Amino acid sequence: MSAIKTRRDYHLTRFKIERFLEKGFENLTLEEEEQLHNLSKEMTRYEMVHFPVQLKKPAVTSGNADKEE
């Protein structure tokens, strides 16, 4: 599998991954396991660029949370 370059590639790759998952991990051949691993890595690369997750900054407390009452 080459790198995912388009949204169409992304959806085709997702479809392939779903087929492996429907089959079940215990039923995959070694070749299928390797394909699933490679497809998953490509999906992760694509998603990190095109669907980045914005992490929220932690809430600031008054500093009293550490003190016992």
PDB file of N, CA and C in Angstrom:
ATOM      1  N   MET A   1       0.847  -1.185   0.000  1.00  0.00           N
ATOM      2  CA  MET A   1       0.000   0.000   0.000  1.00  0.00           C
ATOM      3  C   MET A   1       0.879   1.230   0.000  1.00  0.00           C
ATOM      4  N   SER A   2       0.628   2.108  -0.923  1.00  0.00           N
ATOM      5  CA  SER A   2       1.362   3.367  -0.959  1.00  0.00           C
ATOM      6  C   SER A   2       0.704   4.356   0.000  1.00  0.00           C
ATOM      7  N   ALA A   3       1.339   5.486   0.157  1.00  0.00           N
ATOM      8  CA  ALA A   3       0.825   6.494   1.078  1.00  0.00           C
ATOM      9  C   ALA A   3      -0.576   6.943   0.662  1.00  0.00           C
ATOM     10  N   ILE A   4      -1.377   7.277   1.651  1.00  0.00           N
ATOM     11  CA  ILE A   4      -2.720   7.792   1.406  1.00  0.00           C
ATOM     12  C   ILE A   4      -2.574   9.259   1.024  1.00  0.00           C
ATOM     13  N   LYS A   5      -3.032   9.613  -0.171  1.00  0.00           N
ATOM     14  CA  LYS A   5      -2.847  10.978  -0.667  1.00  0.00           C
ATOM     15  C   LYS A   5      -4.148  11.754  -0.805  1.00  0.00           C
ATOM     16  N   THR A   6      -5.252  11.046  -0.979  1.00  0.00           N
ATOM     17  CA  THR A   6      -6.528  11.721  -1.204  1.00  0.00           C
ATOM     18  C   THR A   6      -7.574  11.206  -0.219  1.00  0.00           C
ATOM     19  N   ARG A   7      -8.672  11.939  -0.141  1.00  0.00           N
ATOM     20  CA  ARG A   7      -9.775  11.509   0.719  1.00  0.00           C
ATOM     21  C   ARG A   7     -10.327  10.163   0.232  1.00  0.00           C
ATOM     22  N   ARG A   8     -10.302   9.961  -1.071  1.00  0.00           N
ATOM     23  CA  ARG A   8     -10.763   8.680  -1.633  1.00  0.00           C
ATOM     24  C   ARG A   8      -9.851   7.544  -1.164  1.00  0.00           C
ATOM     25  N   ASP A   9      -8.542   7.758  -1.226  1.00  0.00           N
ATOM     26  CA  ASP A   9      -7.588   6.762  -0.718  1.00  0.00           C
ATOM     27  C   ASP A   9      -7.870   6.457   0.746  1.00  0.00           C
ATOM     28  N   TYR A  10      -8.152   7.513   1.497  1.00  0.00           N
ATOM     29  CA  TYR A  10      -8.428   7.368   2.929  1.00  0.00           C
ATOM     30  C   TYR A  10      -9.631   6.456   3.156  1.00  0.00           C
ATOM     31  N   HIS A  11     -10.708   6.712   2.430  1.00  0.00           N
ATOM     32  CA  HIS A  11     -11.926   5.911   2.608  1.00  0.00           C
ATOM     33  C   HIS A  11     -11.729   4.465   2.137  1.00  0.00           C
ATOM     34  N   LEU A  12     -10.988   4.274   1.066  1.00  0.00           N
ATOM     35  CA  LEU A  12     -10.699   2.905   0.608  1.00  0.00           C
ATOM     36  C   LEU A  12      -9.863   2.149   1.640  1.00  0.00           C
ATOM     37  N   THR A  13      -8.908   2.837   2.225  1.00  0.00           N
ATOM     38  CA  THR A  13      -8.069   2.208   3.248  1.00  0.00           C
ATOM     39  C   THR A  13      -8.895   1.867   4.477  1.00  0.00           C
ATOM     40  N   ARG A  14      -9.766   2.780   4.869  1.00  0.00           N
ATOM     41  CA  ARG A  14     -10.641   2.529   6.018  1.00  0.00           C
ATOM     42  C   ARG A  14     -11.527   1.310   5.764  1.00  0.00           C
ATOM     43  N   PHE A  15     -12.031   1.199   4.554  1.00  0.00           N
ATOM     44  CA  PHE A  15     -12.860   0.051   4.176  1.00  0.00           C
ATOM     45  C   PHE A  15     -12.063  -1.252   4.296  1.00  0.00           C
ATOM     46  N   LYS A  16     -10.823  -1.247   3.812  1.00  0.00           N
ATOM     47  CA  LYS A  16      -9.974  -2.444   3.895  1.00  0.00           C
ATOM     48  C   LYS A  16      -9.722  -2.837   5.350  1.00  0.00           C
ATOM     49  N   ILE A  17      -9.453  -1.846   6.183  1.00  0.00           N
ATOM     50  CA  ILE A  17      -9.209  -2.112   7.605  1.00  0.00           C
ATOM     51  C   ILE A  17     -10.453  -2.714   8.248  1.00  0.00           C
ATOM     52  N   GLU A  18     -11.619  -2.163   7.927  1.00  0.00           N
ATOM     53  CA  GLU A  18     -12.869  -2.677   8.498  1.00  0.00           C
ATOM     54  C   GLU A  18     -13.105  -4.135   8.108  1.00  0.00           C
ATOM     55  N   ARG A  19     -12.731  -4.515   6.900  1.00  0.00           N
ATOM     56  CA  ARG A  19     -12.880  -5.909   6.454  1.00  0.00           C
ATOM     57  C   ARG A  19     -12.020  -6.836   7.313  1.00  0.00           C
ATOM     58  N   PHE A  20     -10.793  -6.412   7.605  1.00  0.00           N
ATOM     59  CA  PHE A  20      -9.923  -7.218   8.466  1.00  0.00           C
ATOM     60  C   PHE A  20     -10.514  -7.333   9.867  1.00  0.00           C
ATOM     61  N   LEU A  21     -11.051  -6.234  10.380  1.00  0.00           N
ATOM     62  CA  LEU A  21     -11.620  -6.251  11.728  1.00  0.00           C
ATOM     63  C   LEU A  21     -12.857  -7.143  11.793  1.00  0.00           C
ATOM     64  N   GLU A  22     -13.665  -7.121  10.740  1.00  0.00           N
ATOM     65  CA  GLU A  22     -14.845  -7.991  10.700  1.00  0.00           C
ATOM     66  C   GLU A  22     -14.443  -9.465  10.697  1.00  0.00           C
ATOM     67  N   LYS A  23     -13.346  -9.766  10.054  1.00  0.00           N
ATOM     68  CA  LYS A  23     -12.855 -11.147  10.001  1.00  0.00           C
ATOM     69  C   LYS A  23     -12.408 -11.611  11.383  1.00  0.00           C
ATOM     70  N   GLY A  24     -11.889 -10.682  12.184  1.00  0.00           N
ATOM     71  CA  GLY A  24     -11.431 -11.016  13.531  1.00  0.00           C
ATOM     72  C   GLY A  24      -9.933 -11.254  13.559  1.00  0.00           C
ATOM     73  N   PHE A  25      -9.273 -10.701  14.568  1.00  0.00           N
ATOM     74  CA  PHE A  25      -7.815 -10.818  14.668  1.00  0.00           C
ATOM     75  C   PHE A  25      -7.351 -12.271  14.676  1.00  0.00           C
ATOM     76  N   GLU A  26      -8.084 -13.113  15.380  1.00  0.00           N
ATOM     77  CA  GLU A  26      -7.664 -14.513  15.512  1.00  0.00           C
ATOM     78  C   GLU A  26      -7.780 -15.282  14.198  1.00  0.00           C
ATOM     79  N   ASN A  27      -8.513 -14.741  13.232  1.00  0.00           N
ATOM     80  CA  ASN A  27      -8.704 -15.420  11.949  1.00  0.00           C
ATOM     81  C   ASN A  27      -7.822 -14.873  10.826  1.00  0.00           C
ATOM     82  N   LEU A  28      -6.982 -13.895  11.120  1.00  0.00           N
ATOM     83  CA  LEU A  28      -6.125 -13.306  10.098  1.00  0.00           C
ATOM     84  C   LEU A  28      -4.886 -14.165   9.867  1.00  0.00           C
ATOM     85  N   THR A  29      -4.470 -14.235   8.615  1.00  0.00           N
ATOM     86  CA  THR A  29      -3.200 -14.891   8.307  1.00  0.00           C
ATOM     87  C   THR A  29      -2.070 -13.927   8.674  1.00  0.00           C
ATOM     88  N   LEU A  30      -0.848 -14.424   8.683  1.00  0.00           N
ATOM     89  CA  LEU A  30       0.293 -13.550   8.970  1.00  0.00           C
ATOM     90  C   LEU A  30       0.400 -12.428   7.943  1.00  0.00           C
ATOM     91  N   GLU A  31       0.116 -12.741   6.697  1.00  0.00           N
ATOM     92  CA  GLU A  31       0.146 -11.725   5.636  1.00  0.00           C
ATOM     93  C   GLU A  31      -0.925 -10.661   5.883  1.00  0.00           C
ATOM     94  N   GLU A  32      -2.119 -11.090   6.282  1.00  0.00           N
ATOM     95  CA  GLU A  32      -3.198 -10.141   6.564  1.00  0.00           C
ATOM     96  C   GLU A  32      -2.869  -9.280   7.779  1.00  0.00           C
ATOM     97  N   GLU A  33      -2.244  -9.876   8.793  1.00  0.00           N
ATOM     98  CA  GLU A  33      -1.836  -9.105   9.968  1.00  0.00           C
ATOM     99  C   GLU A  33      -0.856  -8.004   9.573  1.00  0.00           C
ATOM    100  N   GLU A  34       0.080  -8.347   8.702  1.00  0.00           N
ATOM    101  CA  GLU A  34       1.061  -7.366   8.234  1.00  0.00           C
ATOM    102  C   GLU A  34       0.376  -6.270   7.420  1.00  0.00           C
ATOM    103  N   GLN A  35      -0.564  -6.662   6.560  1.00  0.00           N
ATOM    104  CA  GLN A  35      -1.304  -5.676   5.770  1.00  0.00           C
ATOM    105  C   GLN A  35      -2.090  -4.740   6.681  1.00  0.00           C
ATOM    106  N   LEU A  36      -2.755  -5.297   7.681  1.00  0.00           N
ATOM    107  CA  LEU A  36      -3.527  -4.489   8.621  1.00  0.00           C
ATOM    108  C   LEU A  36      -2.614  -3.512   9.354  1.00  0.00           C
ATOM    109  N   HIS A  37      -1.465  -3.991   9.785  1.00  0.00           N
ATOM    110  CA  HIS A  37      -0.501  -3.138  10.478  1.00  0.00           C
ATOM    111  C   HIS A  37      -0.062  -1.974   9.581  1.00  0.00           C
ATOM    112  N   ASN A  38       0.284  -2.275   8.341  1.00  0.00           N
ATOM    113  CA  ASN A  38       0.738  -1.241   7.407  1.00  0.00           C
ATOM    114  C   ASN A  38      -0.369  -0.253   7.064  1.00  0.00           C
ATOM    115  N   LEU A  39      -1.573  -0.756   6.849  1.00  0.00           N
ATOM    116  CA  LEU A  39      -2.705   0.130   6.563  1.00  0.00           C
ATOM    117  C   LEU A  39      -2.988   1.051   7.747  1.00  0.00           C
ATOM    118  N   SER A  40      -2.896   0.509   8.940  1.00  0.00           N
ATOM    119  CA  SER A  40      -3.148   1.298  10.149  1.00  0.00           C
ATOM    120  C   SER A  40      -2.115   2.405  10.304  1.00  0.00           C
ATOM    121  N   LYS A  41      -0.857   2.104  10.003  1.00  0.00           N
ATOM    122  CA  LYS A  41       0.193   3.125  10.075  1.00  0.00           C
ATOM    123  C   LYS A  41      -0.072   4.244   9.073  1.00  0.00           C
ATOM    124  N   GLU A  42      -0.482   3.878   7.861  1.00  0.00           N
ATOM    125  CA  GLU A  42      -0.782   4.886   6.841  1.00  0.00           C
ATOM    126  C   GLU A  42      -1.978   5.745   7.254  1.00  0.00           C
ATOM    127  N   MET A  43      -2.987   5.113   7.836  1.00  0.00           N
ATOM    128  CA  MET A  43      -4.161   5.858   8.317  1.00  0.00           C
ATOM    129  C   MET A  43      -3.744   6.866   9.379  1.00  0.00           C
ATOM    130  N   THR A  44      -2.902   6.438  10.307  1.00  0.00           N
ATOM    131  CA  THR A  44      -2.450   7.319  11.378  1.00  0.00           C
ATOM    132  C   THR A  44      -1.707   8.519  10.803  1.00  0.00           C
ATOM    133  N   ARG A  45      -0.817   8.274   9.860  1.00  0.00           N
ATOM    134  CA  ARG A  45      -0.072   9.381   9.231  1.00  0.00           C
ATOM    135  C   ARG A  45      -1.024  10.379   8.577  1.00  0.00           C
ATOM    136  N   TYR A  46      -1.986   9.872   7.833  1.00  0.00           N
ATOM    137  CA  TYR A  46      -2.941  10.737   7.135  1.00  0.00           C
ATOM    138  C   TYR A  46      -3.789  11.526   8.134  1.00  0.00           C
ATOM    139  N   GLU A  47      -4.282  10.840   9.154  1.00  0.00           N
ATOM    140  CA  GLU A  47      -5.161  11.484  10.132  1.00  0.00           C
ATOM    141  C   GLU A  47      -4.431  12.546  10.946  1.00  0.00           C
ATOM    142  N   MET A  48      -3.151  12.340  11.232  1.00  0.00           N
ATOM    143  CA  MET A  48      -2.396  13.333  11.996  1.00  0.00           C
ATOM    144  C   MET A  48      -2.273  14.651  11.229  1.00  0.00           C
ATOM    145  N   VAL A  49      -2.230  14.575   9.911  1.00  0.00           N
ATOM    146  CA  VAL A  49      -2.123  15.773   9.081  1.00  0.00           C
ATOM    147  C   VAL A  49      -3.498  16.382   8.809  1.00  0.00           C
ATOM    148  N   HIS A  50      -4.454  15.547   8.433  1.00  0.00           N
ATOM    149  CA  HIS A  50      -5.747  16.044   7.959  1.00  0.00           C
ATOM    150  C   HIS A  50      -6.822  16.153   9.039  1.00  0.00           C
ATOM    151  N   PHE A  51      -6.662  15.447  10.140  1.00  0.00           N
ATOM    152  CA  PHE A  51      -7.635  15.487  11.233  1.00  0.00           C
ATOM    153  C   PHE A  51      -6.911  15.639  12.571  1.00  0.00           C
ATOM    154  N   PRO A  52      -6.116  16.706  12.727  1.00  0.00           N
ATOM    155  CA  PRO A  52      -5.350  16.839  13.977  1.00  0.00           C
ATOM    156  C   PRO A  52      -6.270  17.030  15.174  1.00  0.00           C
ATOM    157  N   VAL A  53      -5.835  16.502  16.293  1.00  0.00           N
ATOM    158  CA  VAL A  53      -6.595  16.632  17.535  1.00  0.00           C
ATOM    159  C   VAL A  53      -6.017  17.805  18.311  1.00  0.00           C
ATOM    160  N   GLN A  54      -6.851  18.754  18.642  1.00  0.00           N
ATOM    161  CA  GLN A  54      -6.436  19.907  19.426  1.00  0.00           C
ATOM    162  C   GLN A  54      -6.648  19.577  20.893  1.00  0.00           C
ATOM    163  N   LEU A  55      -5.575  19.539  21.644  1.00  0.00           N
ATOM    164  CA  LEU A  55      -5.686  19.256  23.067  1.00  0.00           C
ATOM    165  C   LEU A  55      -5.992  20.542  23.817  1.00  0.00           C
ATOM    166  N   LYS A  56      -6.903  20.443  24.759  1.00  0.00           N
ATOM    167  CA  LYS A  56      -7.241  21.603  25.575  1.00  0.00           C
ATOM    168  C   LYS A  56      -6.198  21.769  26.666  1.00  0.00           C
ATOM    169  N   LYS A  57      -5.933  23.021  27.011  1.00  0.00           N
ATOM    170  CA  LYS A  57      -5.026  23.283  28.121  1.00  0.00           C
ATOM    171  C   LYS A  57      -5.749  22.933  29.409  1.00  0.00           C
ATOM    172  N   PRO A  58      -5.021  22.417  30.407  1.00  0.00           N
ATOM    173  CA  PRO A  58      -5.678  22.086  31.676  1.00  0.00           C
ATOM    174  C   PRO A  58      -6.212  23.345  32.352  1.00  0.00           C
ATOM    175  N   ALA A  59      -7.290  23.171  33.073  1.00  0.00           N
ATOM    176  CA  ALA A  59      -7.889  24.296  33.789  1.00  0.00           C
ATOM    177  C   ALA A  59      -6.938  24.767  34.879  1.00  0.00           C
ATOM    178  N   VAL A  60      -6.874  26.062  35.061  1.00  0.00           N
ATOM    179  CA  VAL A  60      -6.024  26.636  36.105  1.00  0.00           C
ATOM    180  C   VAL A  60      -6.830  26.673  37.392  1.00  0.00           C
ATOM    181  N   THR A  61      -6.217  26.162  38.458  1.00  0.00           N
ATOM    182  CA  THR A  61      -6.888  26.184  39.760  1.00  0.00           C
ATOM    183  C   THR A  61      -6.295  27.290  40.603  1.00  0.00           C
ATOM    184  N   SER A  62      -6.939  27.593  41.698  1.00  0.00           N
ATOM    185  CA  SER A  62      -6.485  28.674  42.572  1.00  0.00           C
ATOM    186  C   SER A  62      -5.271  28.283  43.395  1.00  0.00           C
ATOM    187  N   GLY A  63      -4.879  27.019  43.335  1.00  0.00           N
ATOM    188  CA  GLY A  63      -3.736  26.569  44.120  1.00  0.00           C
ATOM    189  C   GLY A  63      -4.146  26.023  45.468  1.00  0.00           C
ATOM    190  N   ASN A  64      -5.407  26.095  45.810  1.00  0.00           N
ATOM    191  CA  ASN A  64      -5.894  25.605  47.095  1.00  0.00           C
ATOM    192  C   ASN A  64      -6.167  24.108  47.072  1.00  0.00           C
ATOM    193  N   ALA A  65      -6.097  23.490  45.932  1.00  0.00           N
ATOM    194  CA  ALA A  65      -6.424  22.067  45.828  1.00  0.00           C
ATOM    195  C   ALA A  65      -5.434  21.200  46.591  1.00  0.00           C
ATOM    196  N   ASP A  66      -4.205  21.675  46.767  1.00  0.00           N
ATOM    197  CA  ASP A  66      -3.186  20.885  47.458  1.00  0.00           C
ATOM    198  C   ASP A  66      -3.292  20.981  48.977  1.00  0.00           C
ATOM    199  N   LYS A  67      -3.965  21.990  49.475  1.00  0.00           N
ATOM    200  CA  LYS A  67      -4.058  22.203  50.925  1.00  0.00           C
ATOM    201  C   LYS A  67      -5.177  21.374  51.522  1.00  0.00           C
ATOM    202  N   GLU A  68      -4.887  20.817  52.699  1.00  0.00           N
ATOM    203  CA  GLU A  68      -5.925  20.060  53.408  1.00  0.00           C
ATOM    204  C   GLU A  68      -6.779  21.029  54.201  1.00  0.00           C
ATOM    205  N   GLU A  69      -8.027  20.705  54.333  1.00  0.00           N
ATOM    206  CA  GLU A  69      -8.931  21.551  55.125  1.00  0.00           C
ATOM    207  C   GLU A  69      -9.184  20.942  56.456  1.00  0.00           C
TER     208      GLU A  69
END
